[in-house]
Amino acid sequence: MSDSDHLIKIIANMAIFLEFTDEDLLCPDAAVEMMESIAAGLQPLTDVGKARVIESFAEIAKSYRPDEADFVKTLPDTPGLR
């Protein structure tokens, strides 16, 4: 796994945490705000960079359990990546 793939996996893990953590443990508004921050951080990537991130999410999704994998596959639909 390349360094960039490790970074994408960290982003995916954070997004999974934000999406799947019970709202009794994590404020839903804070989770949404952080997801928006992640999306904003990815927006400045070049088209080539965005394509690589999209490919990485698809590849990394294979390493998660089914519900998480489906979620990771949808991360490129986050505003700013497509």
Protein backbone atom coordinates (compact mmCIF):
# COMPACT_ATOMS: atom_id res chain seq x y z
CA MET A 1 0.00 0.00 0.00
CA SER A 2 1.41 3.38 -1.01
CA ASP A 3 1.67 6.39 1.28
CA SER A 4 -1.26 8.03 -0.50
CA ASP A 5 -3.35 4.88 -0.03
CA HIS A 6 -2.57 5.00 3.69
CA LEU A 7 -3.79 8.60 3.81
CA ILE A 8 -6.97 7.67 1.95
CA LYS A 9 -7.53 4.82 4.41
CA ILE A 10 -7.20 7.30 7.29
CA ILE A 11 -9.81 9.53 5.63
CA ALA A 12 -12.09 6.52 5.11
CA ASN A 13 -11.67 5.43 8.73
CA MET A 14 -12.52 8.92 9.96
CA ALA A 15 -15.58 9.08 7.71
CA ILE A 16 -16.73 5.64 8.91
CA PHE A 17 -16.31 6.79 12.51
CA LEU A 18 -18.34 9.93 11.85
CA GLU A 19 -21.07 8.04 9.99
CA PHE A 20 -21.45 4.96 12.18
CA THR A 21 -20.81 6.24 15.73
CA ASP A 22 -23.98 6.33 17.79
CA GLU A 23 -25.33 9.84 18.29
CA ASP A 24 -25.22 9.28 22.06
CA LEU A 25 -21.43 9.22 21.71
CA LEU A 26 -20.93 11.79 18.97
CA CYS A 27 -22.97 14.89 18.26
CA PRO A 28 -24.55 14.47 14.80
CA ASP A 29 -24.01 18.15 14.00
CA ALA A 30 -20.31 17.83 14.82
CA ALA A 31 -20.08 14.71 12.63
CA VAL A 32 -21.66 16.53 9.68
CA GLU A 33 -19.41 19.52 10.22
CA MET A 34 -16.32 17.30 10.15
CA MET A 35 -17.49 15.47 7.02
CA GLU A 36 -17.93 18.87 5.37
CA SER A 37 -14.43 19.81 6.48
CA ILE A 38 -13.00 16.64 4.94
CA ALA A 39 -14.85 17.37 1.69
CA ALA A 40 -13.57 20.95 1.68
CA GLY A 41 -10.04 19.67 2.18
CA LEU A 42 -10.32 17.45 -0.88
CA GLN A 43 -11.84 20.09 -3.18
CA PRO A 44 -8.57 21.81 -4.13
CA LEU A 45 -7.09 18.59 -5.53
CA THR A 46 -6.32 18.55 -9.23
CA ASP A 47 -8.52 16.45 -11.50
CA VAL A 48 -5.76 13.82 -11.53
CA GLY A 49 -5.58 13.91 -7.74
CA LYS A 50 -9.34 13.57 -7.43
CA ALA A 51 -9.35 10.62 -9.83
CA ARG A 52 -6.66 8.93 -7.74
CA VAL A 53 -8.64 9.50 -4.53
CA ILE A 54 -11.77 8.05 -6.14
CA GLU A 55 -9.83 4.98 -7.31
CA SER A 56 -8.29 4.58 -3.86
CA PHE A 57 -11.66 4.68 -2.10
CA ALA A 58 -12.92 1.95 -4.44
CA GLU A 59 -9.86 -0.20 -3.79
CA ILE A 60 -9.77 0.37 -0.03
CA ALA A 61 -13.51 -0.35 0.29
CA LYS A 62 -12.71 -4.02 -0.31
CA SER A 63 -11.01 -4.22 3.08
CA TYR A 64 -14.10 -3.25 5.09
CA ARG A 65 -17.16 -5.20 6.17
CA PRO A 66 -20.08 -4.86 3.71
CA ASP A 67 -21.97 -1.91 5.26
CA GLU A 68 -18.78 0.09 5.70
CA ALA A 69 -17.53 -0.89 2.23
CA ASP A 70 -20.73 0.42 0.65
CA PHE A 71 -20.29 3.68 2.55
CA VAL A 72 -16.62 4.05 1.51
CA LYS A 73 -17.59 3.48 -2.12
CA THR A 74 -19.98 6.45 -1.87
CA LEU A 75 -17.38 8.82 -0.41
CA PRO A 76 -16.43 10.12 -3.87
CA ASP A 77 -19.99 11.40 -4.20
CA THR A 78 -19.11 13.90 -1.47
CA PRO A 79 -19.26 17.43 -2.87
CA GLY A 80 -15.99 18.42 -4.42
CA LEU A 81 -14.72 15.08 -5.67
CA ARG A 82 -16.84 14.59 -8.76
